[in-house]
Each structure stands twice: as C-alpha cells, then as structure tokens.
Protein backbone atom coordinates (compact mmCIF):
# COMPACT_ATOMS: atom_id res chain seq x y z
CA MET A 1 0.00 0.00 0.00
CA THR A 2 1.35 3.42 -0.90
CA ASP A 3 1.98 6.15 1.65
CA LEU A 4 -1.05 8.29 2.44
CA ASP A 5 -0.86 12.01 3.18
CA LEU A 6 -3.07 12.46 6.24
CA LEU A 7 -2.09 16.06 7.00
CA TYR A 8 -4.06 19.15 5.99
CA SER A 9 -2.36 21.57 3.63
CA GLU A 10 -2.42 25.34 4.18
CA GLU A 11 -4.95 25.65 1.38
CA GLU A 12 -7.20 23.04 2.98
CA GLU A 13 -7.03 24.81 6.33
CA ALA A 14 -7.92 28.10 4.65
CA LEU A 15 -10.87 26.39 2.97
CA ARG A 16 -11.97 25.00 6.33
CA ALA A 17 -11.84 28.45 7.92
CA ALA A 18 -13.90 29.98 5.12
CA VAL A 19 -16.58 27.27 5.23
CA ARG A 20 -16.74 27.30 9.03
CA GLY A 21 -17.11 31.08 9.03
CA LEU A 22 -19.97 30.94 6.54
CA LEU A 23 -21.74 28.22 8.49
CA ALA A 24 -21.31 30.14 11.75
CA ASP A 25 -23.15 33.06 10.17
CA HIS A 26 -25.84 31.17 8.27
CA CYS A 27 -26.35 27.75 9.91
CA ASP A 28 -27.02 28.17 13.60
CA PRO A 29 -28.49 25.17 15.49
CA ALA A 30 -31.77 26.93 16.27
CA GLY A 31 -32.29 27.65 12.59
CA VAL A 32 -31.60 24.05 11.60
CA ILE A 33 -34.05 22.77 14.23
CA ALA A 34 -36.69 25.21 13.00
CA ARG A 35 -36.25 23.97 9.44
CA THR A 36 -36.74 20.36 10.50
CA GLU A 37 -40.17 21.38 11.82
CA SER A 38 -41.16 22.96 8.50
CA GLU A 39 -42.07 21.52 5.11
CA THR A 40 -38.79 22.79 3.64
CA PRO A 41 -35.93 21.23 5.64
CA HIS A 42 -33.32 22.10 3.00
CA ASP A 43 -31.67 25.50 3.38
CA ILE A 44 -31.50 26.64 -0.24
CA ALA A 45 -30.10 30.05 0.67
CA LEU A 46 -27.19 28.37 2.45
CA TRP A 47 -26.73 26.00 -0.49
CA LYS A 48 -26.51 28.96 -2.88
CA ALA A 49 -23.95 30.65 -0.63
CA LEU A 50 -21.81 27.51 -0.52
CA ALA A 51 -22.32 26.32 -4.07
CA ASP A 52 -22.51 29.56 -6.02
CA GLY A 53 -20.95 32.14 -3.73
CA MET A 54 -17.94 29.99 -2.78
CA GLY A 55 -17.91 27.73 -5.84
CA LEU A 56 -17.97 24.56 -3.75
CA ALA A 57 -20.52 22.73 -5.91
CA GLY A 58 -17.86 22.37 -8.58
CA LEU A 59 -14.89 21.31 -6.47
CA LEU A 60 -14.58 17.93 -8.22
CA ILE A 61 -15.45 19.27 -11.69
CA PRO A 62 -12.65 20.27 -14.11
CA GLU A 63 -11.97 23.95 -14.66
CA GLU A 64 -12.83 23.73 -18.36
CA LEU A 65 -16.38 22.85 -17.29
CA ASP A 66 -16.56 25.87 -14.94
CA GLY A 67 -15.57 23.79 -11.92
CA GLN A 68 -12.70 24.23 -9.46
CA GLY A 69 -10.60 21.29 -10.57
CA ALA A 70 -9.88 20.36 -6.96
CA THR A 71 -9.64 16.89 -5.43
CA HIS A 72 -11.49 14.73 -2.95
CA ARG A 73 -9.23 16.07 -0.21
CA GLU A 74 -10.80 19.51 -0.50
CA ALA A 75 -14.30 18.04 -0.74
CA ALA A 76 -13.57 16.08 2.44
CA VAL A 77 -12.71 19.29 4.31
CA VAL A 78 -16.02 20.83 3.23
CA LEU A 79 -17.90 17.73 4.38
CA GLU A 80 -16.16 17.81 7.76
CA GLU A 81 -17.50 21.31 8.32
CA LEU A 82 -20.96 20.45 7.02
CA GLY A 83 -20.99 17.51 9.42
CA ARG A 84 -20.02 19.77 12.31
CA ALA A 85 -23.04 21.94 11.54
CA VAL A 86 -25.40 19.12 10.38
CA ALA A 87 -26.08 21.54 7.53
CA PRO A 88 -29.30 20.71 5.64
CA VAL A 89 -27.83 21.09 2.15
CA PRO A 90 -27.49 18.54 -0.69
CA TYR A 91 -23.71 18.80 -0.91
CA LEU A 92 -22.84 15.12 -0.59
CA THR A 93 -25.63 13.97 -2.89
CA SER A 94 -25.15 16.60 -5.62
CA ALA A 95 -21.56 17.87 -5.48
CA VAL A 96 -20.12 14.39 -4.83
CA VAL A 97 -22.46 11.52 -5.73
CA ALA A 98 -24.24 12.95 -8.77
CA THR A 99 -21.04 14.65 -9.90
CA GLU A 100 -19.01 11.44 -9.79
CA ALA A 101 -21.65 9.59 -11.79
CA LEU A 102 -21.68 12.33 -14.43
CA LEU A 103 -17.87 12.39 -14.59
CA GLU A 104 -17.91 8.67 -15.34
CA CYS A 105 -20.46 9.23 -18.11
CA GLY A 106 -18.77 12.33 -19.52
CA ALA A 107 -21.95 14.42 -19.35
CA ASP A 108 -20.19 17.77 -19.73
CA ASP A 109 -23.30 19.94 -20.07
CA LEU A 110 -24.84 18.64 -16.85
CA LEU A 111 -21.51 18.92 -15.06
CA THR A 112 -21.33 22.58 -16.00
CA GLU A 113 -24.83 23.11 -14.65
CA LEU A 114 -23.89 21.43 -11.36
CA ALA A 115 -20.64 23.38 -11.14
CA THR A 116 -22.39 26.71 -11.56
CA ALA A 117 -25.10 25.76 -9.05
CA THR A 118 -27.87 26.24 -11.59
CA THR A 119 -28.86 22.58 -11.13
CA ILE A 120 -28.98 20.20 -8.18
CA GLY A 121 -28.50 16.55 -9.05
CA ALA A 122 -29.44 13.35 -7.24
CA LEU A 123 -28.51 9.77 -8.07
CA ALA A 124 -31.71 7.73 -7.89
CA VAL A 125 -30.14 4.87 -5.94
CA ALA A 126 -31.21 4.10 -2.37
CA LEU A 127 -29.10 5.86 0.25
CA SER A 128 -28.39 2.52 1.95
CA THR A 129 -26.71 0.98 -1.12
CA ALA A 130 -23.06 0.04 -0.60
CA PRO A 131 -20.38 0.44 -3.29
CA GLY A 132 -20.57 -2.61 -5.50
CA GLY A 133 -23.98 -3.53 -4.09
CA ALA A 134 -27.07 -4.34 -6.12
CA PHE A 135 -29.35 -1.42 -6.90
CA ARG A 136 -32.88 -1.16 -8.21
CA THR A 137 -33.56 -0.11 -11.80
CA VAL A 138 -36.60 1.10 -13.72
CA ARG A 139 -38.04 -0.21 -16.99
CA VAL A 140 -37.42 1.32 -20.38
CA GLU A 141 -40.50 1.09 -22.61
CA ASN A 142 -40.79 2.89 -25.93
CA GLY A 143 -38.09 5.32 -24.97
CA THR A 144 -39.66 6.31 -21.65
CA LEU A 145 -38.98 5.23 -18.05
CA HIS A 146 -41.39 3.40 -15.76
CA GLY A 147 -40.92 2.28 -12.17
CA GLU A 148 -40.50 3.20 -8.52
CA LEU A 149 -37.31 3.88 -6.59
CA THR A 150 -37.22 4.28 -2.82
CA GLY A 151 -34.90 5.81 -0.24
CA ILE A 152 -33.49 8.49 -2.55
CA ALA A 153 -31.66 11.13 -0.54
CA ASP A 154 -32.33 14.81 -1.31
CA ALA A 155 -34.58 13.94 -4.26
CA THR A 156 -37.15 16.51 -3.09
CA VAL A 157 -34.77 19.36 -3.83
CA ALA A 158 -33.13 17.95 -6.98
CA ASP A 159 -33.61 19.43 -10.44
CA VAL A 160 -32.32 16.38 -12.30
CA LEU A 161 -32.45 12.72 -11.31
CA LEU A 162 -29.86 10.23 -12.54
CA VAL A 163 -31.85 7.04 -12.97
CA PRO A 164 -30.44 3.54 -13.65
CA ALA A 165 -32.57 1.48 -16.03
CA ASP A 166 -32.95 -2.20 -16.87
CA ASP A 167 -31.21 -1.79 -20.23
CA GLY A 168 -27.98 -1.01 -18.37
CA GLY A 169 -28.10 2.71 -19.00
CA LEU A 170 -28.04 5.71 -16.69
CA TYR A 171 -30.64 8.29 -17.67
CA ALA A 172 -31.01 11.96 -16.82
CA VAL A 173 -34.63 12.74 -15.95
CA ALA A 174 -35.98 16.18 -15.12
CA ALA A 175 -37.33 16.07 -11.58
CA GLY A 176 -40.53 17.68 -12.79
CA ALA A 177 -41.21 14.62 -14.97
CA ALA A 178 -41.24 12.34 -11.90
CA THR A 179 -43.47 12.11 -8.85
CA VAL A 180 -41.20 12.72 -5.85
CA THR A 181 -42.78 12.03 -2.46
CA ALA A 182 -40.95 12.78 0.77
CA LYS A 183 -40.94 9.94 3.30
CA PRO A 184 -40.35 9.92 7.06
CA SER A 185 -36.64 9.90 7.81
CA LEU A 186 -34.74 9.59 11.08
CA ASP A 187 -32.31 12.27 9.89
CA LEU A 188 -34.54 15.29 9.38
CA THR A 189 -31.66 17.25 7.84
CA ARG A 190 -31.21 14.78 4.95
CA PRO A 191 -34.69 13.76 3.81
CA VAL A 192 -35.31 10.71 1.65
CA ALA A 193 -38.05 10.27 -0.91
CA THR A 194 -39.77 7.81 -3.20
CA VAL A 195 -39.46 8.53 -6.92
CA VAL A 196 -42.16 7.24 -9.27
CA LEU A 197 -41.71 7.38 -13.04
CA GLU A 198 -44.72 6.87 -15.28
CA GLY A 199 -43.61 7.31 -18.85
CA ALA A 200 -40.98 9.92 -18.00
CA PRO A 201 -38.68 10.95 -20.83
CA GLY A 202 -35.00 10.42 -20.14
CA ARG A 203 -31.69 11.06 -21.81
CA ARG A 204 -29.23 8.19 -21.75
CA LEU A 205 -25.87 9.36 -20.40
CA GLY A 206 -23.86 6.17 -20.34
CA ASP A 207 -23.58 2.81 -18.61
CA ALA A 208 -25.17 2.73 -15.17
CA GLU A 209 -23.02 0.09 -13.46
CA PRO A 210 -19.60 1.82 -13.60
CA ALA A 211 -21.16 5.24 -12.96
CA VAL A 212 -23.06 4.06 -9.89
CA ARG A 213 -20.07 2.11 -8.59
CA ARG A 214 -17.80 5.15 -8.90
CA ALA A 215 -20.35 7.46 -7.31
CA LEU A 216 -21.04 5.19 -4.34
CA ARG A 217 -17.35 4.56 -3.69
CA ALA A 218 -16.67 8.29 -3.51
CA ALA A 219 -19.79 8.75 -1.38
CA ALA A 220 -18.72 6.12 1.13
CA GLY A 221 -15.19 7.45 1.32
CA LEU A 222 -16.17 11.08 1.82
CA LEU A 223 -19.07 10.25 4.13
CA ALA A 224 -16.38 9.34 6.66
CA SER A 225 -15.33 12.99 6.70
CA GLU A 226 -18.90 14.06 7.42
CA GLN A 227 -19.01 11.48 10.24
CA LEU A 228 -15.73 12.90 11.51
CA GLY A 229 -17.31 16.34 11.65
CA VAL A 230 -20.26 14.98 13.63
CA ALA A 231 -17.99 13.17 16.08
CA ASP A 232 -15.62 16.09 16.47
CA TRP A 233 -18.41 18.56 17.22
CA THR A 234 -20.10 16.31 19.76
CA LEU A 235 -16.81 15.63 21.56
CA THR A 236 -15.79 19.30 21.59
CA GLU A 237 -19.21 20.45 22.76
CA THR A 238 -19.33 17.80 25.49
CA VAL A 239 -15.91 18.78 26.85
CA ARG A 240 -16.95 22.44 26.86
CA TYR A 241 -20.18 21.67 28.69
CA LEU A 242 -18.52 19.49 31.33
CA LYS A 243 -15.98 22.21 32.06
CA GLU A 244 -18.81 24.68 32.74
CA ARG A 245 -21.30 22.51 34.61
CA LYS A 246 -20.56 22.20 38.31
CA GLN A 247 -21.56 19.65 40.91
CA PHE A 248 -20.44 19.69 44.56
CA ASN A 249 -18.84 23.04 43.74
CA ARG A 250 -16.45 21.61 41.15
CA PRO A 251 -16.61 21.15 37.35
CA VAL A 252 -18.22 17.86 36.38
CA GLY A 253 -15.46 17.30 33.86
CA GLY A 254 -13.00 16.93 36.73
CA PHE A 255 -14.46 13.61 37.87
CA GLN A 256 -12.14 10.75 36.96
CA ALA A 257 -14.81 8.46 35.54
CA LEU A 258 -15.86 11.13 33.04
CA LYS A 259 -12.26 11.95 32.19
CA HIS A 260 -11.71 8.32 31.21
CA ARG A 261 -14.78 8.28 28.99
CA LEU A 262 -13.74 11.49 27.26
CA ALA A 263 -10.16 10.27 26.82
CA GLN A 264 -11.39 7.07 25.17
CA LEU A 265 -13.68 9.04 22.90
CA TRP A 266 -10.87 11.42 21.96
CA LEU A 267 -8.72 8.47 20.89
CA GLU A 268 -11.56 7.12 18.75
CA VAL A 269 -12.07 10.49 17.06
CA VAL A 270 -8.33 10.85 16.37
CA ASN A 271 -8.31 7.43 14.73
CA LEU A 272 -11.41 8.32 12.75
CA ARG A 273 -9.66 11.44 11.46
CA ALA A 274 -6.78 9.31 10.20
CA ALA A 275 -9.16 6.86 8.50
CA ALA A 276 -11.24 9.63 6.91
CA ARG A 277 -8.18 11.50 5.67
CA GLY A 278 -6.78 8.26 4.31
CA ALA A 279 -9.93 7.64 2.28
CA ALA A 280 -9.98 11.19 0.94
CA ASP A 281 -6.32 11.02 -0.07
CA ALA A 282 -6.80 7.62 -1.72
CA LEU A 283 -9.76 8.92 -3.71
CA ALA A 284 -7.69 11.90 -4.80
CA THR A 285 -4.66 9.85 -5.87
CA GLY A 286 -6.36 6.65 -7.00
CA ALA A 287 -4.02 4.52 -4.86
CA ASP A 288 -5.54 1.57 -2.98
CA THR A 289 -8.86 3.35 -3.05
CA ASP A 290 -11.16 0.42 -2.36
CA VAL A 291 -9.18 -0.64 0.70
CA ALA A 292 -8.96 2.90 2.13
CA VAL A 293 -12.68 3.50 1.65
CA ALA A 294 -13.60 0.18 3.27
CA VAL A 295 -11.31 0.89 6.24
CA ALA A 296 -12.79 4.35 6.73
CA GLN A 297 -16.39 3.20 6.64
CA ALA A 298 -15.75 0.13 8.77
CA TYR A 299 -14.52 2.48 11.49
CA ALA A 300 -16.43 5.73 11.01
CA ALA A 301 -20.02 4.77 11.76
CA PRO A 302 -19.47 3.22 15.23
CA VAL A 303 -17.32 6.16 16.33
CA ALA A 304 -19.77 8.83 15.17
CA VAL A 305 -22.68 7.06 16.85
CA HIS A 306 -20.68 6.50 20.05
CA ALA A 307 -19.63 10.16 20.19
CA ALA A 308 -23.21 11.37 19.73
CA GLU A 309 -24.55 8.92 22.32
CA GLU A 310 -21.92 9.97 24.85
CA ALA A 311 -22.74 13.62 24.21
CA LEU A 312 -26.41 12.95 24.83
CA GLN A 313 -25.74 11.14 28.09
CA LEU A 314 -23.13 13.53 29.43
CA HIS A 315 -25.30 16.57 28.77
CA ALA A 316 -27.82 14.95 31.14
CA GLY A 317 -31.35 16.41 31.07
CA ILE A 318 -30.62 19.30 28.73
CA GLY A 319 -29.35 16.87 26.10
CA MET A 320 -32.78 15.24 25.95
CA THR A 321 -34.57 18.45 24.99
CA TRP A 322 -35.68 19.28 21.46
CA GLU A 323 -34.17 22.76 21.77
CA HIS A 324 -30.64 21.41 22.23
CA PRO A 325 -29.09 20.34 18.89
CA ILE A 326 -27.56 17.07 20.13
CA HIS A 327 -30.51 15.08 18.80
CA LEU A 328 -29.70 16.36 15.30
CA TYR A 329 -26.19 14.93 15.56
CA LEU A 330 -27.34 11.61 16.98
CA LYS A 331 -29.90 11.22 14.19
CA ARG A 332 -27.34 12.15 11.53
CA ALA A 333 -24.83 9.69 13.00
CA LYS A 334 -27.43 6.91 13.11
CA ALA A 335 -28.61 7.59 9.56
CA ASP A 336 -25.04 7.82 8.27
CA SER A 337 -24.29 4.44 9.87
CA ILE A 338 -26.42 2.73 7.21
CA ALA A 339 -25.73 5.16 4.36
CA TYR A 340 -23.67 3.76 1.49
CA GLY A 341 -23.25 0.46 3.30
CA THR A 342 -23.10 -0.52 6.95
CA ALA A 343 -19.84 -0.92 8.86
CA GLY A 344 -20.36 -4.68 8.72
CA ALA A 345 -20.74 -4.63 4.95
CA HIS A 346 -17.52 -2.65 4.60
CA ARG A 347 -15.67 -4.99 6.96
CA ALA A 348 -16.76 -7.93 4.80
CA ALA A 349 -15.64 -6.08 1.67
CA LEU A 350 -12.31 -5.26 3.30
CA ALA A 351 -11.75 -8.89 4.27
CA GLU A 352 -12.26 -9.94 0.67
CA LEU A 353 -10.04 -7.17 -0.67
CA VAL A 354 -7.08 -8.16 1.52
CA ASP A 355 -7.83 -11.91 1.41
CA LEU A 356 -8.52 -12.33 5.12
CA GLN A 357 -11.67 -14.40 5.05
CA ALA A 358 -13.22 -15.64 8.27
CA PRO A 359 -12.39 -19.31 9.10
C-alpha cells in the first residue's frame, strides 16, 4: 500500500476556515431545528452561498467545465465542516455523488450546470446501497422510463435525477417529470423520498453500473469525513459543557470516571480522522482506493454514533430536549451508519479485498 498524506495543507485549512465562518453566520443550530419542523428542511439560501458564492458545488469538476478542478481532499474538508453543523444542504448527494456519476459518463453539459449551481443533481439509488452492491432499476418502454425507486436522498430538492434502467443505462430525468414524495426519515436534515416514473422521458448518459459504482465509492469514502465532523463537534461540545457545569462546587469534567470516557472518545475520534483522511487522499490519488474507503467506513459509523450517544448522556437532562441540537447529531450519526453500506458490509468487503476471510 502506498503512503497516504493524512495532514491538511495550508490551502485546505484556509478552505476550512472559510466554510466554518460561513456556516457560523448562516447555519445556527436553532435555525436548523426550526427547518426540521417545517415543510422545507433544506436551506436553499445556504446551499446557494456555498455552491454559487464559494464555488464549492464544482470542487470535483474540471476547470474547463466551470468547476474548481480540486480533489477529494478539499471536498472532504467541506464535508467535515458540514458535518459539524449538520447543515441541511445537498452537498454530498449533488456535489459528490451525482457529480461522480456524471464524470464517469462524460456528461459535460450537466456537469457545467452542477458546477455553476444552476442545477442540483441526485442519483436515484437508495441511500443505503453500498459500493458494489445491487441497486434497483426502472423499466425502459418505448423510450420512456417506468418504475418506482425508494430511499433516494435529497430527491425533493433535486432538479435532475440520474436514474439507472434495466437496459444497463443511466438516464437523466428532469425532476418535474417524476413524482417525488418525501418519506419519514430519522435524519430530518437529509430527507429521503420515493421517486415514481410513469412514462418519463430520459436522456441516456452512459452505462449505469460503472457510474453508480464510482459514485457510491466516492460517497462512502467522503461520508467518513462528514461522520468525523459529527464526532468532532459532539466531543468538543461535550468537553466544553462538562468544564462549565458544576456539581459539589467543582466542574463535572474533573471527575475521573468522566475523564476516562472522554479520553477514550478522543482516541476514537483521532483514529477516525486518520481513516477519513486516508480515504480522501486515496480517492484523490487513486491509490488503494477500495481498501482505504472500506477501512474508513468500517470504522467511522461506530465512532460517530458513540460520540453522539456519549454527548447525549453527558449533557444529562438538557441533552434530551428538542431545543438542544444534540438530537440532530445523533440522528445524523445513526442515519449515516447505514448510508452507502453498513460498517459490517464494509468490513466484509475489506476482508475480501485483503484476502482475510473468516475461518
């Protein structure tokens, strides 16, 4: 396995600072909670600020197509910050998943639209599908598409749906030509929907299997950075709270039992950072990508969930209230734990990749 660069460059740190500053101004926890109670959970104004104002929608798109020509390392930094804010924007689904599928197909016109934030894309494959896993397709009849697809993340806000069909093709379908129905989702900041096509016209872009495989691999690898952001925020916020809260006239964080729990959690988050950075670097360089992605996802989900659960417990009663944002992080961590394959699925894939099958 080649050496991985796990450190952040100066440019990546500058990008982090810019994204964090924007989110601090436009994505406060109270606002996110309020949106989850409305019929429009997505923050389109924030998406426009990120995607158009900062040009982040086109990070992975070449400059000749009006993108930034950056790598997965930069996209990972953005996703870390979005995870820290549980930002209700379709960045992962449009700027990563849909973009990767279109790059595989060479759909330059749609890539330009995504890069300039004039279009939001969504791959019509269930959010739970692992890289290399089977995915549902729709029927092609007389040049039109027919069928139902479930569990499609951010489909309610998409302008174009990338739909795999039974003839092996990936089709671009205008969202207005489909019936998109939002469904109950544990993670209120990343809604899922059912997509029904009844004679919808579609434009064939290329072969579905390699496009979906590439998109889901990048999604799984970069999801680890979002999970890192969730875990890092919950740990940082819990430490801050325990330093302030007092019991028996001393900070709660000074009790040895809690120190041990926080120390263990810190070690897990540090290891998660290494795994997430390794996946991002592997995606950027193309070296040992499948192994790095499997390692990251095998480790990321349990750590993010553990960090959020610890935060909920250690905040005591206030952590159980709707007004406190911890529940947003726990729900995102839980939902992410089955997104793009479970940790168990990635462990099994890793075992096969390195030829370490169970006895």
